[in-house]
Amino acid sequence: MVKTNRKIKQLEIDFIYENTSNTHTVVSKTSNINVSMYEIRMNSRRILQTNYIKEKNRKELISYIIQNEKSF
């Protein structure tokens, strides 16, 4: 009876450890995904901002050329 109780207790401990380990793995992977998504969002913002600045500069250049067309 004592041996059976020990085996049951050990199985319970093993089960808890395995679930805890699996939970940690899932949380870790989820964290990595969240970090990756954050990096993607930041890179997207950077690209959009760069494109906006390029477009703004292009419009300003065109406007400058049109205003000073006679000078060229």
PDB file of N, CA and C in Angstrom:
ATOM      1  N   MET A   1       0.815  -1.199   0.000  1.00  0.00           N
ATOM      2  CA  MET A   1       0.000   0.000   0.000  1.00  0.00           C
ATOM      3  C   MET A   1       0.858   1.262   0.000  1.00  0.00           C
ATOM      4  N   VAL A   2       1.910   1.260   0.817  1.00  0.00           N
ATOM      5  CA  VAL A   2       2.803   2.415   0.898  1.00  0.00           C
ATOM      6  C   VAL A   2       3.506   2.624  -0.441  1.00  0.00           C
ATOM      7  N   LYS A   3       3.961   1.523  -1.069  1.00  0.00           N
ATOM      8  CA  LYS A   3       4.619   1.630  -2.373  1.00  0.00           C
ATOM      9  C   LYS A   3       3.662   2.187  -3.421  1.00  0.00           C
ATOM     10  N   THR A   4       2.427   1.754  -3.384  1.00  0.00           N
ATOM     11  CA  THR A   4       1.418   2.235  -4.333  1.00  0.00           C
ATOM     12  C   THR A   4       1.174   3.728  -4.138  1.00  0.00           C
ATOM     13  N   ASN A   5       1.084   4.148  -2.885  1.00  0.00           N
ATOM     14  CA  ASN A   5       0.896   5.574  -2.604  1.00  0.00           C
ATOM     15  C   ASN A   5       2.074   6.400  -3.095  1.00  0.00           C
ATOM     16  N   ARG A   6       3.287   5.888  -2.919  1.00  0.00           N
ATOM     17  CA  ARG A   6       4.484   6.591  -3.392  1.00  0.00           C
ATOM     18  C   ARG A   6       4.467   6.706  -4.913  1.00  0.00           C
ATOM     19  N   LYS A   7       4.099   5.591  -5.583  1.00  0.00           N
ATOM     20  CA  LYS A   7       4.038   5.623  -7.047  1.00  0.00           C
ATOM     21  C   LYS A   7       2.991   6.617  -7.526  1.00  0.00           C
ATOM     22  N   ILE A   8       1.843   6.628  -6.864  1.00  0.00           N
ATOM     23  CA  ILE A   8       0.787   7.574  -7.231  1.00  0.00           C
ATOM     24  C   ILE A   8       1.285   9.003  -7.015  1.00  0.00           C
ATOM     25  N   LYS A   9       1.933   9.231  -5.878  1.00  0.00           N
ATOM     26  CA  LYS A   9       2.451  10.563  -5.568  1.00  0.00           C
ATOM     27  C   LYS A   9       3.498  10.980  -6.605  1.00  0.00           C
ATOM     28  N   GLN A  10       4.375  10.043  -6.960  1.00  0.00           N
ATOM     29  CA  GLN A  10       5.407  10.331  -7.954  1.00  0.00           C
ATOM     30  C   GLN A  10       4.778  10.631  -9.324  1.00  0.00           C
ATOM     31  N   LEU A  11       3.758   9.888  -9.686  1.00  0.00           N
ATOM     32  CA  LEU A  11       3.056  10.143 -10.948  1.00  0.00           C
ATOM     33  C   LEU A  11       2.405  11.532 -10.935  1.00  0.00           C
ATOM     34  N   GLU A  12       1.823  11.883  -9.800  1.00  0.00           N
ATOM     35  CA  GLU A  12       1.224  13.220  -9.684  1.00  0.00           C
ATOM     36  C   GLU A  12       2.288  14.303  -9.838  1.00  0.00           C
ATOM     37  N   ILE A  13       3.426  14.112  -9.200  1.00  0.00           N
ATOM     38  CA  ILE A  13       4.528  15.075  -9.283  1.00  0.00           C
ATOM     39  C   ILE A  13       5.030  15.165 -10.723  1.00  0.00           C
ATOM     40  N   ASP A  14       5.219  14.007 -11.371  1.00  0.00           N
ATOM     41  CA  ASP A  14       5.680  13.985 -12.765  1.00  0.00           C
ATOM     42  C   ASP A  14       4.685  14.712 -13.677  1.00  0.00           C
ATOM     43  N   PHE A  15       3.397  14.449 -13.444  1.00  0.00           N
ATOM     44  CA  PHE A  15       2.357  15.076 -14.252  1.00  0.00           C
ATOM     45  C   PHE A  15       2.381  16.597 -14.080  1.00  0.00           C
ATOM     46  N   ILE A  16       2.469  17.045 -12.848  1.00  0.00           N
ATOM     47  CA  ILE A  16       2.515  18.486 -12.554  1.00  0.00           C
ATOM     48  C   ILE A  16       3.755  19.104 -13.186  1.00  0.00           C
ATOM     49  N   TYR A  17       4.901  18.432 -13.056  1.00  0.00           N
ATOM     50  CA  TYR A  17       6.141  18.957 -13.629  1.00  0.00           C
ATOM     51  C   TYR A  17       6.027  19.072 -15.156  1.00  0.00           C
ATOM     52  N   GLU A  18       5.486  18.027 -15.782  1.00  0.00           N
ATOM     53  CA  GLU A  18       5.351  18.026 -17.242  1.00  0.00           C
ATOM     54  C   GLU A  18       4.421  19.154 -17.697  1.00  0.00           C
ATOM     55  N   ASN A  19       3.300  19.324 -17.000  1.00  0.00           N
ATOM     56  CA  ASN A  19       2.370  20.396 -17.363  1.00  0.00           C
ATOM     57  C   ASN A  19       3.004  21.768 -17.163  1.00  0.00           C
ATOM     58  N   THR A  20       3.729  21.924 -16.066  1.00  0.00           N
ATOM     59  CA  THR A  20       4.413  23.192 -15.809  1.00  0.00           C
ATOM     60  C   THR A  20       5.439  23.463 -16.893  1.00  0.00           C
ATOM     61  N   SER A  21       6.191  22.438 -17.253  1.00  0.00           N
ATOM     62  CA  SER A  21       7.201  22.575 -18.303  1.00  0.00           C
ATOM     63  C   SER A  21       6.553  22.940 -19.638  1.00  0.00           C
ATOM     64  N   ASN A  22       5.458  22.257 -19.978  1.00  0.00           N
ATOM     65  CA  ASN A  22       4.749  22.552 -21.224  1.00  0.00           C
ATOM     66  C   ASN A  22       4.183  23.963 -21.218  1.00  0.00           C
ATOM     67  N   THR A  23       3.653  24.373 -20.088  1.00  0.00           N
ATOM     68  CA  THR A  23       3.112  25.728 -19.969  1.00  0.00           C
ATOM     69  C   THR A  23       4.218  26.748 -20.161  1.00  0.00           C
ATOM     70  N   HIS A  24       5.360  26.498 -19.561  1.00  0.00           N
ATOM     71  CA  HIS A  24       6.501  27.406 -19.730  1.00  0.00           C
ATOM     72  C   HIS A  24       6.911  27.496 -21.200  1.00  0.00           C
ATOM     73  N   THR A  25       6.939  26.365 -21.877  1.00  0.00           N
ATOM     74  CA  THR A  25       7.308  26.341 -23.297  1.00  0.00           C
ATOM     75  C   THR A  25       6.313  27.151 -24.119  1.00  0.00           C
ATOM     76  N   VAL A  26       5.028  26.963 -23.854  1.00  0.00           N
ATOM     77  CA  VAL A  26       3.996  27.703 -24.590  1.00  0.00           C
ATOM     78  C   VAL A  26       4.119  29.198 -24.324  1.00  0.00           C
ATOM     79  N   VAL A  27       4.308  29.565 -23.064  1.00  0.00           N
ATOM     80  CA  VAL A  27       4.447  30.976 -22.706  1.00  0.00           C
ATOM     81  C   VAL A  27       5.684  31.565 -23.378  1.00  0.00           C
ATOM     82  N   SER A  28       6.763  30.823 -23.376  1.00  0.00           N
ATOM     83  CA  SER A  28       7.997  31.289 -24.002  1.00  0.00           C
ATOM     84  C   SER A  28       7.801  31.497 -25.506  1.00  0.00           C
ATOM     85  N   LYS A  29       7.155  30.539 -26.164  1.00  0.00           N
ATOM     86  CA  LYS A  29       6.926  30.666 -27.602  1.00  0.00           C
ATOM     87  C   LYS A  29       5.974  31.820 -27.900  1.00  0.00           C
ATOM     88  N   THR A  30       4.957  31.973 -27.061  1.00  0.00           N
ATOM     89  CA  THR A  30       4.022  33.082 -27.237  1.00  0.00           C
ATOM     90  C   THR A  30       4.752  34.407 -27.067  1.00  0.00           C
ATOM     91  N   SER A  31       5.629  34.471 -26.107  1.00  0.00           N
ATOM     92  CA  SER A  31       6.420  35.680 -25.884  1.00  0.00           C
ATOM     93  C   SER A  31       7.285  35.984 -27.107  1.00  0.00           C
ATOM     94  N   ASN A  32       7.904  34.959 -27.658  1.00  0.00           N
ATOM     95  CA  ASN A  32       8.723  35.157 -28.862  1.00  0.00           C
ATOM     96  C   ASN A  32       7.882  35.662 -30.024  1.00  0.00           C
ATOM     97  N   ILE A  33       6.674  35.123 -30.164  1.00  0.00           N
ATOM     98  CA  ILE A  33       5.777  35.572 -31.234  1.00  0.00           C
ATOM     99  C   ILE A  33       5.400  37.036 -31.009  1.00  0.00           C
ATOM    100  N   ASN A  34       5.106  37.387 -29.754  1.00  0.00           N
ATOM    101  CA  ASN A  34       4.748  38.778 -29.458  1.00  0.00           C
ATOM    102  C   ASN A  34       5.895  39.722 -29.769  1.00  0.00           C
ATOM    103  N   VAL A  35       7.108  39.322 -29.443  1.00  0.00           N
ATOM    104  CA  VAL A  35       8.284  40.146 -29.742  1.00  0.00           C
ATOM    105  C   VAL A  35       8.428  40.292 -31.261  1.00  0.00           C
ATOM    106  N   SER A  36       8.256  39.192 -31.984  1.00  0.00           N
ATOM    107  CA  SER A  36       8.366  39.242 -33.439  1.00  0.00           C
ATOM    108  C   SER A  36       7.298  40.161 -34.030  1.00  0.00           C
ATOM    109  N   MET A  37       6.073  40.066 -33.526  1.00  0.00           N
ATOM    110  CA  MET A  37       4.998  40.925 -34.028  1.00  0.00           C
ATOM    111  C   MET A  37       5.299  42.393 -33.730  1.00  0.00           C
ATOM    112  N   TYR A  38       5.853  42.666 -32.564  1.00  0.00           N
ATOM    113  CA  TYR A  38       6.227  44.041 -32.211  1.00  0.00           C
ATOM    114  C   TYR A  38       7.287  44.557 -33.176  1.00  0.00           C
ATOM    115  N   GLU A  39       8.297  43.726 -33.464  1.00  0.00           N
ATOM    116  CA  GLU A  39       9.350  44.128 -34.396  1.00  0.00           C
ATOM    117  C   GLU A  39       8.788  44.383 -35.794  1.00  0.00           C
ATOM    118  N   ILE A  40       7.853  43.542 -36.214  1.00  0.00           N
ATOM    119  CA  ILE A  40       7.224  43.734 -37.523  1.00  0.00           C
ATOM    120  C   ILE A  40       6.461  45.056 -37.557  1.00  0.00           C
ATOM    121  N   ARG A  41       5.705  45.343 -36.480  1.00  0.00           N
ATOM    122  CA  ARG A  41       4.962  46.607 -36.429  1.00  0.00           C
ATOM    123  C   ARG A  41       5.911  47.807 -36.456  1.00  0.00           C
ATOM    124  N   MET A  42       6.986  47.718 -35.691  1.00  0.00           N
ATOM    125  CA  MET A  42       7.930  48.835 -35.655  1.00  0.00           C
ATOM    126  C   MET A  42       8.603  49.024 -37.011  1.00  0.00           C
ATOM    127  N   ASN A  43       8.975  47.924 -37.654  1.00  0.00           N
ATOM    128  CA  ASN A  43       9.588  48.020 -38.981  1.00  0.00           C
ATOM    129  C   ASN A  43       8.594  48.581 -39.999  1.00  0.00           C
ATOM    130  N   SER A  44       7.349  48.182 -39.893  1.00  0.00           N
ATOM    131  CA  SER A  44       6.315  48.693 -40.799  1.00  0.00           C
ATOM    132  C   SER A  44       6.150  50.198 -40.608  1.00  0.00           C
ATOM    133  N   ARG A  45       6.115  50.631 -39.359  1.00  0.00           N
ATOM    134  CA  ARG A  45       6.007  52.072 -39.083  1.00  0.00           C
ATOM    135  C   ARG A  45       7.200  52.823 -39.654  1.00  0.00           C
ATOM    136  N   ARG A  46       8.381  52.258 -39.471  1.00  0.00           N
ATOM    137  CA  ARG A  46       9.594  52.892 -39.984  1.00  0.00           C
ATOM    138  C   ARG A  46       9.534  53.016 -41.507  1.00  0.00           C
ATOM    139  N   ILE A  47       9.096  51.955 -42.160  1.00  0.00           N
ATOM    140  CA  ILE A  47       8.990  51.965 -43.622  1.00  0.00           C
ATOM    141  C   ILE A  47       7.950  52.993 -44.073  1.00  0.00           C
ATOM    142  N   LEU A  48       6.794  53.007 -43.397  1.00  0.00           N
ATOM    143  CA  LEU A  48       5.755  53.978 -43.755  1.00  0.00           C
ATOM    144  C   LEU A  48       6.242  55.410 -43.562  1.00  0.00           C
ATOM    145  N   GLN A  49       6.947  55.634 -42.480  1.00  0.00           N
ATOM    146  CA  GLN A  49       7.463  56.972 -42.208  1.00  0.00           C
ATOM    147  C   GLN A  49       8.492  57.370 -43.271  1.00  0.00           C
ATOM    148  N   THR A  50       9.365  56.451 -43.623  1.00  0.00           N
ATOM    149  CA  THR A  50      10.370  56.722 -44.655  1.00  0.00           C
ATOM    150  C   THR A  50       9.695  57.013 -45.993  1.00  0.00           C
ATOM    151  N   ASN A  51       8.688  56.219 -46.345  1.00  0.00           N
ATOM    152  CA  ASN A  51       7.967  56.441 -47.594  1.00  0.00           C
ATOM    153  C   ASN A  51       7.254  57.791 -47.592  1.00  0.00           C
ATOM    154  N   TYR A  52       6.680  58.155 -46.451  1.00  0.00           N
ATOM    155  CA  TYR A  52       6.009  59.446 -46.333  1.00  0.00           C
ATOM    156  C   TYR A  52       7.012  60.582 -46.564  1.00  0.00           C
ATOM    157  N   ILE A  53       8.159  60.479 -45.936  1.00  0.00           N
ATOM    158  CA  ILE A  53       9.190  61.522 -46.081  1.00  0.00           C
ATOM    159  C   ILE A  53       9.674  61.594 -47.530  1.00  0.00           C
ATOM    160  N   LYS A  54       9.879  60.451 -48.158  1.00  0.00           N
ATOM    161  CA  LYS A  54      10.310  60.432 -49.565  1.00  0.00           C
ATOM    162  C   LYS A  54       9.262  61.100 -50.463  1.00  0.00           C
ATOM    163  N   GLU A  55       8.006  60.764 -50.243  1.00  0.00           N
ATOM    164  CA  GLU A  55       6.922  61.336 -51.049  1.00  0.00           C
ATOM    165  C   GLU A  55       6.822  62.843 -50.826  1.00  0.00           C
ATOM    166  N   LYS A  56       6.961  63.256 -49.577  1.00  0.00           N
ATOM    167  CA  LYS A  56       6.923  64.682 -49.245  1.00  0.00           C
ATOM    168  C   LYS A  56       8.071  65.422 -49.943  1.00  0.00           C
ATOM    169  N   ASN A  57       9.262  64.843 -49.878  1.00  0.00           N
ATOM    170  CA  ASN A  57      10.419  65.457 -50.531  1.00  0.00           C
ATOM    171  C   ASN A  57      10.235  65.523 -52.050  1.00  0.00           C
ATOM    172  N   ARG A  58       9.654  64.466 -52.615  1.00  0.00           N
ATOM    173  CA  ARG A  58       9.412  64.434 -54.061  1.00  0.00           C
ATOM    174  C   ARG A  58       8.439  65.542 -54.458  1.00  0.00           C
ATOM    175  N   LYS A  59       7.358  65.704 -53.683  1.00  0.00           N
ATOM    176  CA  LYS A  59       6.380  66.757 -53.973  1.00  0.00           C
ATOM    177  C   LYS A  59       7.005  68.147 -53.848  1.00  0.00           C
ATOM    178  N   GLU A  60       7.827  68.318 -52.818  1.00  0.00           N
ATOM    179  CA  GLU A  60       8.484  69.616 -52.629  1.00  0.00           C
ATOM    180  C   GLU A  60       9.432  69.913 -53.788  1.00  0.00           C
ATOM    181  N   LEU A  61      10.134  68.911 -54.248  1.00  0.00           N
ATOM    182  CA  LEU A  61      11.046  69.096 -55.374  1.00  0.00           C
ATOM    183  C   LEU A  61      10.276  69.450 -56.642  1.00  0.00           C
ATOM    184  N   ILE A  62       9.204  68.755 -56.903  1.00  0.00           N
ATOM    185  CA  ILE A  62       8.378  69.048 -58.080  1.00  0.00           C
ATOM    186  C   ILE A  62       7.822  70.469 -57.988  1.00  0.00           C
ATOM    187  N   SER A  63       7.342  70.822 -56.825  1.00  0.00           N
ATOM    188  CA  SER A  63       6.812  72.166 -56.615  1.00  0.00           C
ATOM    189  C   SER A  63       7.900  73.213 -56.840  1.00  0.00           C
ATOM    190  N   TYR A  64       9.084  72.957 -56.334  1.00  0.00           N
ATOM    191  CA  TYR A  64      10.207  73.891 -56.515  1.00  0.00           C
ATOM    192  C   TYR A  64      10.558  74.034 -57.997  1.00  0.00           C
ATOM    193  N   ILE A  65      10.586  72.934 -58.697  1.00  0.00           N
ATOM    194  CA  ILE A  65      10.929  72.959 -60.123  1.00  0.00           C
ATOM    195  C   ILE A  65       9.868  73.746 -60.900  1.00  0.00           C
ATOM    196  N   ILE A  66       8.607  73.497 -60.582  1.00  0.00           N
ATOM    197  CA  ILE A  66       7.521  74.215 -61.284  1.00  0.00           C
ATOM    198  C   ILE A  66       7.587  75.723 -61.008  1.00  0.00           C
ATOM    199  N   GLN A  67       7.839  76.097 -59.770  1.00  0.00           N
ATOM    200  CA  GLN A  67       7.904  77.508 -59.402  1.00  0.00           C
ATOM    201  C   GLN A  67       9.099  78.204 -60.058  1.00  0.00           C
ATOM    202  N   ASN A  68      10.169  77.466 -60.222  1.00  0.00           N
ATOM    203  CA  ASN A  68      11.393  78.067 -60.762  1.00  0.00           C
ATOM    204  C   ASN A  68      11.689  77.574 -62.179  1.00  0.00           C
ATOM    205  N   GLU A  69      10.656  77.246 -62.903  1.00  0.00           N
ATOM    206  CA  GLU A  69      10.807  76.651 -64.225  1.00  0.00           C
ATOM    207  C   GLU A  69      11.573  77.560 -65.173  1.00  0.00           C
ATOM    208  N   LYS A  70      11.337  78.818 -65.081  1.00  0.00           N
ATOM    209  CA  LYS A  70      11.980  79.773 -65.990  1.00  0.00           C
ATOM    210  C   LYS A  70      13.487  79.864 -65.743  1.00  0.00           C
ATOM    211  N   SER A  71      13.887  79.559 -64.535  1.00  0.00           N
ATOM    212  CA  SER A  71      15.306  79.655 -64.193  1.00  0.00           C
ATOM    213  C   SER A  71      16.128  78.546 -64.839  1.00  0.00           C
ATOM    214  N   PHE A  72      15.499  77.450 -65.173  1.00  0.00           N
ATOM    215  CA  PHE A  72      16.246  76.305 -65.693  1.00  0.00           C
ATOM    216  C   PHE A  72      16.546  76.455 -67.146  1.00  0.00           C
TER     217      PHE A  72
END
